[in-house]
Amino acid sequence: AAFGAKITLVHGETGGRRIALSDIDGFYQFEALPVGIYRMSVQLQGFKTHVGEKVVVEVGRTSVLDIELRIGDISEQVIVTADSPLVDLSSVAVGQIIN
């Protein structure tokens, strides 16, 4: 039985979709995501749907995005536009794309 939130990432250019469920403590993880800008939605029964616009995924970087869900109907949305970069708490690695 799933007891966590449903987290959906949609790649802005390709439309590729990834879905994960958080664990009982609210932790979630996506591995090996293609670089780009994503739209993220977080849904959990009894809470408003959280939508994050412009979630940036970069090369060689582990990023942490903490979400705070607000009590309400799941059909209601809280939209957040992320203009600042995500916090990287696990690495000081630098990466680059080579064509």
PDB file of N, CA and C in Angstrom:
ATOM      1  N   ALA A   1       0.849  -1.186   0.000  1.00  0.00           N
ATOM      2  CA  ALA A   1       0.000   0.000   0.000  1.00  0.00           C
ATOM      3  C   ALA A   1       0.891   1.244   0.000  1.00  0.00           C
ATOM      4  N   ALA A   2       0.531   2.208  -0.818  1.00  0.00           N
ATOM      5  CA  ALA A   2       1.283   3.461  -0.898  1.00  0.00           C
ATOM      6  C   ALA A   2       0.771   4.414   0.176  1.00  0.00           C
ATOM      7  N   PHE A   3       1.657   4.948   0.984  1.00  0.00           N
ATOM      8  CA  PHE A   3       1.246   5.862   2.037  1.00  0.00           C
ATOM      9  C   PHE A   3       1.849   7.229   1.847  1.00  0.00           C
ATOM     10  N   GLY A   4       2.604   7.424   0.778  1.00  0.00           N
ATOM     11  CA  GLY A   4       3.272   8.696   0.561  1.00  0.00           C
ATOM     12  C   GLY A   4       2.625   9.519  -0.532  1.00  0.00           C
ATOM     13  N   ALA A   5       3.250  10.649  -0.786  1.00  0.00           N
ATOM     14  CA  ALA A   5       2.792  11.553  -1.831  1.00  0.00           C
ATOM     15  C   ALA A   5       3.250  11.047  -3.202  1.00  0.00           C
ATOM     16  N   LYS A   6       2.478  11.363  -4.226  1.00  0.00           N
ATOM     17  CA  LYS A   6       2.835  11.038  -5.608  1.00  0.00           C
ATOM     18  C   LYS A   6       3.543  12.253  -6.185  1.00  0.00           C
ATOM     19  N   ILE A   7       4.792  12.062  -6.611  1.00  0.00           N
ATOM     20  CA  ILE A   7       5.586  13.141  -7.187  1.00  0.00           C
ATOM     21  C   ILE A   7       5.766  12.857  -8.670  1.00  0.00           C
ATOM     22  N   THR A   8       5.392  13.812  -9.504  1.00  0.00           N
ATOM     23  CA  THR A   8       5.493  13.656 -10.951  1.00  0.00           C
ATOM     24  C   THR A   8       6.392  14.743 -11.512  1.00  0.00           C
ATOM     25  N   LEU A   9       7.394  14.345 -12.314  1.00  0.00           N
ATOM     26  CA  LEU A   9       8.261  15.282 -13.023  1.00  0.00           C
ATOM     27  C   LEU A   9       7.997  15.164 -14.508  1.00  0.00           C
ATOM     28  N   VAL A  10       7.810  16.298 -15.193  1.00  0.00           N
ATOM     29  CA  VAL A  10       7.616  16.310 -16.639  1.00  0.00           C
ATOM     30  C   VAL A  10       8.679  17.217 -17.249  1.00  0.00           C
ATOM     31  N   HIS A  11       9.494  16.650 -18.158  1.00  0.00           N
ATOM     32  CA  HIS A  11      10.561  17.403 -18.828  1.00  0.00           C
ATOM     33  C   HIS A  11       9.920  18.438 -19.752  1.00  0.00           C
ATOM     34  N   GLY A  12      10.344  19.693 -19.636  1.00  0.00           N
ATOM     35  CA  GLY A  12       9.753  20.793 -20.393  1.00  0.00           C
ATOM     36  C   GLY A  12       9.886  20.685 -21.899  1.00  0.00           C
ATOM     37  N   GLU A  13      10.984  20.112 -22.394  1.00  0.00           N
ATOM     38  CA  GLU A  13      11.204  20.032 -23.836  1.00  0.00           C
ATOM     39  C   GLU A  13      10.681  18.739 -24.445  1.00  0.00           C
ATOM     40  N   THR A  14      10.925  17.616 -23.778  1.00  0.00           N
ATOM     41  CA  THR A  14      10.569  16.322 -24.357  1.00  0.00           C
ATOM     42  C   THR A  14       9.210  15.808 -23.914  1.00  0.00           C
ATOM     43  N   GLY A  15       8.703  16.317 -22.795  1.00  0.00           N
ATOM     44  CA  GLY A  15       7.446  15.813 -22.257  1.00  0.00           C
ATOM     45  C   GLY A  15       7.607  14.491 -21.523  1.00  0.00           C
ATOM     46  N   GLY A  16       8.867  14.005 -21.412  1.00  0.00           N
ATOM     47  CA  GLY A  16       9.123  12.762 -20.682  1.00  0.00           C
ATOM     48  C   GLY A  16       8.648  12.880 -19.249  1.00  0.00           C
ATOM     49  N   ARG A  17       8.018  11.822 -18.755  1.00  0.00           N
ATOM     50  CA  ARG A  17       7.395  11.859 -17.433  1.00  0.00           C
ATOM     51  C   ARG A  17       8.001  10.795 -16.527  1.00  0.00           C
ATOM     52  N   ARG A  18       8.304  11.171 -15.287  1.00  0.00           N
ATOM     53  CA  ARG A  18       8.782  10.233 -14.263  1.00  0.00           C
ATOM     54  C   ARG A  18       7.889  10.399 -13.046  1.00  0.00           C
ATOM     55  N   ILE A  19       7.560   9.287 -12.382  1.00  0.00           N
ATOM     56  CA  ILE A  19       6.704   9.313 -11.199  1.00  0.00           C
ATOM     57  C   ILE A  19       7.401   8.559 -10.066  1.00  0.00           C
ATOM     58  N   ALA A  20       7.304   9.101  -8.853  1.00  0.00           N
ATOM     59  CA  ALA A  20       7.831   8.444  -7.665  1.00  0.00           C
ATOM     60  C   ALA A  20       6.834   8.633  -6.531  1.00  0.00           C
ATOM     61  N   LEU A  21       6.919   7.755  -5.539  1.00  0.00           N
ATOM     62  CA  LEU A  21       6.120   7.897  -4.324  1.00  0.00           C
ATOM     63  C   LEU A  21       7.070   8.167  -3.165  1.00  0.00           C
ATOM     64  N   SER A  22       6.685   9.103  -2.311  1.00  0.00           N
ATOM     65  CA  SER A  22       7.512   9.352  -1.136  1.00  0.00           C
ATOM     66  C   SER A  22       7.284   8.232  -0.121  1.00  0.00           C
ATOM     67  N   ASP A  23       8.270   8.045   0.757  1.00  0.00           N
ATOM     68  CA  ASP A  23       8.093   7.038   1.801  1.00  0.00           C
ATOM     69  C   ASP A  23       7.293   7.650   2.958  1.00  0.00           C
ATOM     70  N   ILE A  24       7.118   6.897   4.013  1.00  0.00           N
ATOM     71  CA  ILE A  24       6.299   7.350   5.140  1.00  0.00           C
ATOM     72  C   ILE A  24       6.856   8.619   5.793  1.00  0.00           C
ATOM     73  N   ASP A  25       8.166   8.852   5.648  1.00  0.00           N
ATOM     74  CA  ASP A  25       8.798  10.049   6.211  1.00  0.00           C
ATOM     75  C   ASP A  25       8.815  11.219   5.229  1.00  0.00           C
ATOM     76  N   GLY A  26       8.289  11.006   4.012  1.00  0.00           N
ATOM     77  CA  GLY A  26       8.232  12.078   3.028  1.00  0.00           C
ATOM     78  C   GLY A  26       9.430  12.165   2.106  1.00  0.00           C
ATOM     79  N   PHE A  27      10.350  11.213   2.192  1.00  0.00           N
ATOM     80  CA  PHE A  27      11.530  11.239   1.328  1.00  0.00           C
ATOM     81  C   PHE A  27      11.211  10.631  -0.026  1.00  0.00           C
ATOM     82  N   TYR A  28      11.813  11.191  -1.074  1.00  0.00           N
ATOM     83  CA  TYR A  28      11.639  10.688  -2.436  1.00  0.00           C
ATOM     84  C   TYR A  28      12.942  10.879  -3.190  1.00  0.00           C
ATOM     85  N   GLN A  29      13.082  10.152  -4.312  1.00  0.00           N
ATOM     86  CA  GLN A  29      14.318  10.260  -5.084  1.00  0.00           C
ATOM     87  C   GLN A  29      14.045   9.909  -6.541  1.00  0.00           C
ATOM     88  N   PHE A  30      14.649  10.676  -7.428  1.00  0.00           N
ATOM     89  CA  PHE A  30      14.671  10.377  -8.863  1.00  0.00           C
ATOM     90  C   PHE A  30      16.128  10.198  -9.244  1.00  0.00           C
ATOM     91  N   GLU A  31      16.447   9.122  -9.952  1.00  0.00           N
ATOM     92  CA  GLU A  31      17.826   8.870 -10.361  1.00  0.00           C
ATOM     93  C   GLU A  31      17.961   8.990 -11.871  1.00  0.00           C
ATOM     94  N   ALA A  32      19.143   9.406 -12.305  1.00  0.00           N
ATOM     95  CA  ALA A  32      19.511   9.461 -13.726  1.00  0.00           C
ATOM     96  C   ALA A  32      18.501  10.238 -14.566  1.00  0.00           C
ATOM     97  N   LEU A  33      18.138  11.423 -14.104  1.00  0.00           N
ATOM     98  CA  LEU A  33      17.235  12.270 -14.882  1.00  0.00           C
ATOM     99  C   LEU A  33      18.002  12.974 -15.995  1.00  0.00           C
ATOM    100  N   PRO A  34      17.418  13.074 -17.176  1.00  0.00           N
ATOM    101  CA  PRO A  34      18.037  13.885 -18.224  1.00  0.00           C
ATOM    102  C   PRO A  34      18.076  15.354 -17.783  1.00  0.00           C
ATOM    103  N   VAL A  35      19.123  16.074 -18.163  1.00  0.00           N
ATOM    104  CA  VAL A  35      19.215  17.490 -17.815  1.00  0.00           C
ATOM    105  C   VAL A  35      18.070  18.254 -18.454  1.00  0.00           C
ATOM    106  N   GLY A  36      17.729  19.375 -17.856  1.00  0.00           N
ATOM    107  CA  GLY A  36      16.677  20.213 -18.409  1.00  0.00           C
ATOM    108  C   GLY A  36      15.852  20.873 -17.330  1.00  0.00           C
ATOM    109  N   ILE A  37      14.779  21.478 -17.778  1.00  0.00           N
ATOM    110  CA  ILE A  37      13.853  22.160 -16.882  1.00  0.00           C
ATOM    111  C   ILE A  37      12.575  21.327 -16.808  1.00  0.00           C
ATOM    112  N   TYR A  38      12.122  21.079 -15.593  1.00  0.00           N
ATOM    113  CA  TYR A  38      10.980  20.208 -15.349  1.00  0.00           C
ATOM    114  C   TYR A  38       9.835  20.964 -14.679  1.00  0.00           C
ATOM    115  N   ARG A  39       8.650  20.395 -14.817  1.00  0.00           N
ATOM    116  CA  ARG A  39       7.477  20.814 -14.055  1.00  0.00           C
ATOM    117  C   ARG A  39       7.222  19.689 -13.066  1.00  0.00           C
ATOM    118  N   MET A  40       7.121  20.029 -11.797  1.00  0.00           N
ATOM    119  CA  MET A  40       6.955  19.033 -10.749  1.00  0.00           C
ATOM    120  C   MET A  40       5.617  19.213 -10.063  1.00  0.00           C
ATOM    121  N   SER A  41       4.884  18.113  -9.902  1.00  0.00           N
ATOM    122  CA  SER A  41       3.650  18.184  -9.120  1.00  0.00           C
ATOM    123  C   SER A  41       3.715  17.147  -8.009  1.00  0.00           C
ATOM    124  N   VAL A  42       3.166  17.528  -6.854  1.00  0.00           N
ATOM    125  CA  VAL A  42       3.148  16.657  -5.684  1.00  0.00           C
ATOM    126  C   VAL A  42       1.698  16.572  -5.215  1.00  0.00           C
ATOM    127  N   GLN A  43       1.190  15.333  -5.135  1.00  0.00           N
ATOM    128  CA  GLN A  43      -0.201  15.124  -4.750  1.00  0.00           C
ATOM    129  C   GLN A  43      -0.294  14.150  -3.582  1.00  0.00           C
ATOM    130  N   LEU A  44      -1.159  14.474  -2.624  1.00  0.00           N
ATOM    131  CA  LEU A  44      -1.442  13.606  -1.500  1.00  0.00           C
ATOM    132  C   LEU A  44      -2.863  13.912  -1.038  1.00  0.00           C
ATOM    133  N   GLN A  45      -3.655  12.876  -0.873  1.00  0.00           N
ATOM    134  CA  GLN A  45      -5.046  13.052  -0.457  1.00  0.00           C
ATOM    135  C   GLN A  45      -5.129  13.880   0.825  1.00  0.00           C
ATOM    136  N   GLY A  46      -6.016  14.878   0.824  1.00  0.00           N
ATOM    137  CA  GLY A  46      -6.186  15.748   1.983  1.00  0.00           C
ATOM    138  C   GLY A  46      -5.349  17.018   1.930  1.00  0.00           C
ATOM    139  N   PHE A  47      -4.532  17.153   0.865  1.00  0.00           N
ATOM    140  CA  PHE A  47      -3.674  18.322   0.713  1.00  0.00           C
ATOM    141  C   PHE A  47      -3.837  18.930  -0.672  1.00  0.00           C
ATOM    142  N   LYS A  48      -3.569  20.240  -0.779  1.00  0.00           N
ATOM    143  CA  LYS A  48      -3.567  20.906  -2.077  1.00  0.00           C
ATOM    144  C   LYS A  48      -2.413  20.372  -2.911  1.00  0.00           C
ATOM    145  N   THR A  49      -2.620  20.260  -4.209  1.00  0.00           N
ATOM    146  CA  THR A  49      -1.555  19.827  -5.112  1.00  0.00           C
ATOM    147  C   THR A  49      -0.506  20.925  -5.211  1.00  0.00           C
ATOM    148  N   HIS A  50       0.747  20.559  -5.007  1.00  0.00           N
ATOM    149  CA  HIS A  50       1.868  21.494  -5.121  1.00  0.00           C
ATOM    150  C   HIS A  50       2.431  21.382  -6.535  1.00  0.00           C
ATOM    151  N   VAL A  51       2.586  22.512  -7.218  1.00  0.00           N
ATOM    152  CA  VAL A  51       3.161  22.514  -8.565  1.00  0.00           C
ATOM    153  C   VAL A  51       4.383  23.419  -8.562  1.00  0.00           C
ATOM    154  N   GLY A  52       5.521  22.861  -8.951  1.00  0.00           N
ATOM    155  CA  GLY A  52       6.758  23.626  -9.052  1.00  0.00           C
ATOM    156  C   GLY A  52       7.108  23.819 -10.517  1.00  0.00           C
ATOM    157  N   GLU A  53       7.198  25.043 -10.949  1.00  0.00           N
ATOM    158  CA  GLU A  53       7.580  25.370 -12.319  1.00  0.00           C
ATOM    159  C   GLU A  53       9.082  25.625 -12.361  1.00  0.00           C
ATOM    160  N   LYS A  54       9.706  25.352 -13.473  1.00  0.00           N
ATOM    161  CA  LYS A  54      11.121  25.649 -13.695  1.00  0.00           C
ATOM    162  C   LYS A  54      12.048  24.962 -12.701  1.00  0.00           C
ATOM    163  N   VAL A  55      11.833  23.672 -12.465  1.00  0.00           N
ATOM    164  CA  VAL A  55      12.733  22.892 -11.622  1.00  0.00           C
ATOM    165  C   VAL A  55      13.901  22.463 -12.501  1.00  0.00           C
ATOM    166  N   VAL A  56      15.110  22.928 -12.204  1.00  0.00           N
ATOM    167  CA  VAL A  56      16.276  22.725 -13.058  1.00  0.00           C
ATOM    168  C   VAL A  56      17.067  21.502 -12.613  1.00  0.00           C
ATOM    169  N   VAL A  57      17.375  20.620 -13.577  1.00  0.00           N
ATOM    170  CA  VAL A  57      18.240  19.465 -13.335  1.00  0.00           C
ATOM    171  C   VAL A  57      19.508  19.678 -14.151  1.00  0.00           C
ATOM    172  N   GLU A  58      20.682  19.614 -13.457  1.00  0.00           N
ATOM    173  CA  GLU A  58      21.959  19.877 -14.109  1.00  0.00           C
ATOM    174  C   GLU A  58      22.850  18.638 -14.096  1.00  0.00           C
ATOM    175  N   VAL A  59      23.870  18.657 -14.912  1.00  0.00           N
ATOM    176  CA  VAL A  59      24.820  17.544 -15.030  1.00  0.00           C
ATOM    177  C   VAL A  59      25.623  17.377 -13.752  1.00  0.00           C
ATOM    178  N   GLY A  60      25.794  16.123 -13.303  1.00  0.00           N
ATOM    179  CA  GLY A  60      26.662  15.809 -12.182  1.00  0.00           C
ATOM    180  C   GLY A  60      26.263  16.428 -10.866  1.00  0.00           C
ATOM    181  N   ARG A  61      24.985  16.639 -10.657  1.00  0.00           N
ATOM    182  CA  ARG A  61      24.544  17.357  -9.478  1.00  0.00           C
ATOM    183  C   ARG A  61      23.396  16.631  -8.794  1.00  0.00           C
ATOM    184  N   THR A  62      23.496  16.457  -7.498  1.00  0.00           N
ATOM    185  CA  THR A  62      22.387  15.942  -6.696  1.00  0.00           C
ATOM    186  C   THR A  62      21.732  17.144  -6.040  1.00  0.00           C
ATOM    187  N   SER A  63      20.460  17.352  -6.284  1.00  0.00           N
ATOM    188  CA  SER A  63      19.764  18.515  -5.753  1.00  0.00           C
ATOM    189  C   SER A  63      18.681  18.088  -4.787  1.00  0.00           C
ATOM    190  N   VAL A  64      18.404  18.935  -3.816  1.00  0.00           N
ATOM    191  CA  VAL A  64      17.370  18.682  -2.826  1.00  0.00           C
ATOM    192  C   VAL A  64      16.280  19.725  -2.992  1.00  0.00           C
ATOM    193  N   LEU A  65      15.040  19.262  -3.109  1.00  0.00           N
ATOM    194  CA  LEU A  65      13.901  20.171  -3.213  1.00  0.00           C
ATOM    195  C   LEU A  65      12.905  19.772  -2.138  1.00  0.00           C
ATOM    196  N   ASP A  66      12.806  20.573  -1.083  1.00  0.00           N
ATOM    197  CA  ASP A  66      11.864  20.310   0.004  1.00  0.00           C
ATOM    198  C   ASP A  66      10.517  20.921  -0.339  1.00  0.00           C
ATOM    199  N   ILE A  67       9.469  20.154  -0.142  1.00  0.00           N
ATOM    200  CA  ILE A  67       8.109  20.586  -0.469  1.00  0.00           C
ATOM    201  C   ILE A  67       7.294  20.650   0.817  1.00  0.00           C
ATOM    202  N   GLU A  68       6.518  21.704   0.971  1.00  0.00           N
ATOM    203  CA  GLU A  68       5.597  21.818   2.095  1.00  0.00           C
ATOM    204  C   GLU A  68       4.180  21.798   1.540  1.00  0.00           C
ATOM    205  N   LEU A  69       3.433  20.736   1.860  1.00  0.00           N
ATOM    206  CA  LEU A  69       2.060  20.622   1.386  1.00  0.00           C
ATOM    207  C   LEU A  69       1.119  21.360   2.333  1.00  0.00           C
ATOM    208  N   ARG A  70       0.090  21.983   1.758  1.00  0.00           N
ATOM    209  CA  ARG A  70      -0.893  22.724   2.546  1.00  0.00           C
ATOM    210  C   ARG A  70      -2.197  21.936   2.582  1.00  0.00           C
ATOM    211  N   ILE A  71      -2.835  21.929   3.719  1.00  0.00           N
ATOM    212  CA  ILE A  71      -4.105  21.216   3.872  1.00  0.00           C
ATOM    213  C   ILE A  71      -5.136  21.831   2.939  1.00  0.00           C
ATOM    214  N   GLY A  72      -5.894  20.973   2.258  1.00  0.00           N
ATOM    215  CA  GLY A  72      -6.930  21.428   1.346  1.00  0.00           C
ATOM    216  C   GLY A  72      -7.348  20.302   0.430  1.00  0.00           C
ATOM    217  N   ASP A  73      -8.157  20.613  -0.548  1.00  0.00           N
ATOM    218  CA  ASP A  73      -8.623  19.632  -1.515  1.00  0.00           C
ATOM    219  C   ASP A  73      -7.538  19.382  -2.549  1.00  0.00           C
ATOM    220  N   ILE A  74      -7.364  18.126  -2.942  1.00  0.00           N
ATOM    221  CA  ILE A  74      -6.310  17.753  -3.894  1.00  0.00           C
ATOM    222  C   ILE A  74      -6.485  18.457  -5.241  1.00  0.00           C
ATOM    223  N   SER A  75      -7.711  18.913  -5.553  1.00  0.00           N
ATOM    224  CA  SER A  75      -7.950  19.611  -6.826  1.00  0.00           C
ATOM    225  C   SER A  75      -7.464  21.058  -6.790  1.00  0.00           C
ATOM    226  N   GLU A  76      -7.211  21.606  -5.584  1.00  0.00           N
ATOM    227  CA  GLU A  76      -6.642  22.952  -5.463  1.00  0.00           C
ATOM    228  C   GLU A  76      -5.146  22.876  -5.706  1.00  0.00           C
ATOM    229  N   GLN A  77      -4.565  23.936  -6.279  1.00  0.00           N
ATOM    230  CA  GLN A  77      -3.136  23.936  -6.582  1.00  0.00           C
ATOM    231  C   GLN A  77      -2.426  25.105  -5.925  1.00  0.00           C
ATOM    232  N   VAL A  78      -1.224  24.838  -5.465  1.00  0.00           N
ATOM    233  CA  VAL A  78      -0.299  25.883  -5.017  1.00  0.00           C
ATOM    234  C   VAL A  78       0.830  25.851  -6.036  1.00  0.00           C
ATOM    235  N   ILE A  79       1.019  26.939  -6.793  1.00  0.00           N
ATOM    236  CA  ILE A  79       2.025  26.977  -7.856  1.00  0.00           C
ATOM    237  C   ILE A  79       3.214  27.801  -7.394  1.00  0.00           C
ATOM    238  N   VAL A  80       4.408  27.205  -7.509  1.00  0.00           N
ATOM    239  CA  VAL A  80       5.651  27.853  -7.111  1.00  0.00           C
ATOM    240  C   VAL A  80       6.554  27.939  -8.326  1.00  0.00           C
ATOM    241  N   THR A  81       7.071  29.129  -8.608  1.00  0.00           N
ATOM    242  CA  THR A  81       8.020  29.301  -9.699  1.00  0.00           C
ATOM    243  C   THR A  81       9.404  29.407  -9.102  1.00  0.00           C
ATOM    244  N   ALA A  82      10.283  28.479  -9.464  1.00  0.00           N
ATOM    245  CA  ALA A  82      11.639  28.429  -8.903  1.00  0.00           C
ATOM    246  C   ALA A  82      12.612  29.134  -9.827  1.00  0.00           C
ATOM    247  N   ASP A  83      12.934  30.385  -9.515  1.00  0.00           N
ATOM    248  CA  ASP A  83      13.899  31.124 -10.317  1.00  0.00           C
ATOM    249  C   ASP A  83      15.315  30.962  -9.779  1.00  0.00           C
ATOM    250  N   SER A  84      15.436  30.530  -8.526  1.00  0.00           N
ATOM    251  CA  SER A  84      16.760  30.319  -7.960  1.00  0.00           C
ATOM    252  C   SER A  84      17.122  28.845  -8.074  1.00  0.00           C
ATOM    253  N   PRO A  85      18.421  28.531  -8.121  1.00  0.00           N
ATOM    254  CA  PRO A  85      18.833  27.132  -8.260  1.00  0.00           C
ATOM    255  C   PRO A  85      18.491  26.329  -7.018  1.00  0.00           C
ATOM    256  N   LEU A  86      18.333  25.008  -7.209  1.00  0.00           N
ATOM    257  CA  LEU A  86      18.086  24.112  -6.095  1.00  0.00           C
ATOM    258  C   LEU A  86      19.341  24.000  -5.253  1.00  0.00           C
ATOM    259  N   VAL A  87      19.187  23.648  -4.011  1.00  0.00           N
ATOM    260  CA  VAL A  87      20.310  23.510  -3.096  1.00  0.00           C
ATOM    261  C   VAL A  87      20.937  22.135  -3.278  1.00  0.00           C
ATOM    262  N   ASP A  88      22.243  22.105  -3.442  1.00  0.00           N
ATOM    263  CA  ASP A  88      22.979  20.852  -3.564  1.00  0.00           C
ATOM    264  C   ASP A  88      23.669  20.604  -2.232  1.00  0.00           C
ATOM    265  N   LEU A  89      23.118  19.688  -1.436  1.00  0.00           N
ATOM    266  CA  LEU A  89      23.644  19.436  -0.101  1.00  0.00           C
ATOM    267  C   LEU A  89      24.614  18.270  -0.052  1.00  0.00           C
ATOM    268  N   SER A  90      24.818  17.574  -1.177  1.00  0.00           N
ATOM    269  CA  SER A  90      25.580  16.342  -1.095  1.00  0.00           C
ATOM    270  C   SER A  90      26.889  16.351  -1.865  1.00  0.00           C
ATOM    271  N   SER A  91      27.152  17.367  -2.662  1.00  0.00           N
ATOM    272  CA  SER A  91      28.311  17.288  -3.538  1.00  0.00           C
ATOM    273  C   SER A  91      28.855  18.664  -3.886  1.00  0.00           C
ATOM    274  N   VAL A  92      30.139  18.680  -4.200  1.00  0.00           N
ATOM    275  CA  VAL A  92      30.749  19.895  -4.732  1.00  0.00           C
ATOM    276  C   VAL A  92      31.254  19.624  -6.140  1.00  0.00           C
ATOM    277  N   ALA A  93      30.730  18.583  -6.773  1.00  0.00           N
ATOM    278  CA  ALA A  93      31.169  18.181  -8.107  1.00  0.00           C
ATOM    279  C   ALA A  93      30.770  19.206  -9.162  1.00  0.00           C
ATOM    280  N   VAL A  94      31.588  19.314 -10.186  1.00  0.00           N
ATOM    281  CA  VAL A  94      31.307  20.184 -11.316  1.00  0.00           C
ATOM    282  C   VAL A  94      31.184  19.302 -12.548  1.00  0.00           C
ATOM    283  N   GLY A  95      30.181  19.551 -13.375  1.00  0.00           N
ATOM    284  CA  GLY A  95      29.992  18.760 -14.595  1.00  0.00           C
ATOM    285  C   GLY A  95      29.834  19.660 -15.782  1.00  0.00           C
ATOM    286  N   GLN A  96      29.900  19.075 -16.952  1.00  0.00           N
ATOM    287  CA  GLN A  96      29.692  19.836 -18.173  1.00  0.00           C
ATOM    288  C   GLN A  96      29.155  18.912 -19.248  1.00  0.00           C
ATOM    289  N   ILE A  97      28.525  19.508 -20.246  1.00  0.00           N
ATOM    290  CA  ILE A  97      28.008  18.762 -21.377  1.00  0.00           C
ATOM    291  C   ILE A  97      28.997  18.894 -22.523  1.00  0.00           C
ATOM    292  N   ILE A  98      29.356  17.780 -23.151  1.00  0.00           N
ATOM    293  CA  ILE A  98      30.264  17.796 -24.280  1.00  0.00           C
ATOM    294  C   ILE A  98      29.515  17.270 -25.495  1.00  0.00           C
ATOM    295  N   ASN A  99      29.488  18.070 -26.547  1.00  0.00           N
ATOM    296  CA  ASN A  99      28.817  17.642 -27.781  1.00  0.00           C
ATOM    297  C   ASN A  99      29.772  16.877 -28.672  1.00  0.00           C
TER     298      ASN A  99
END
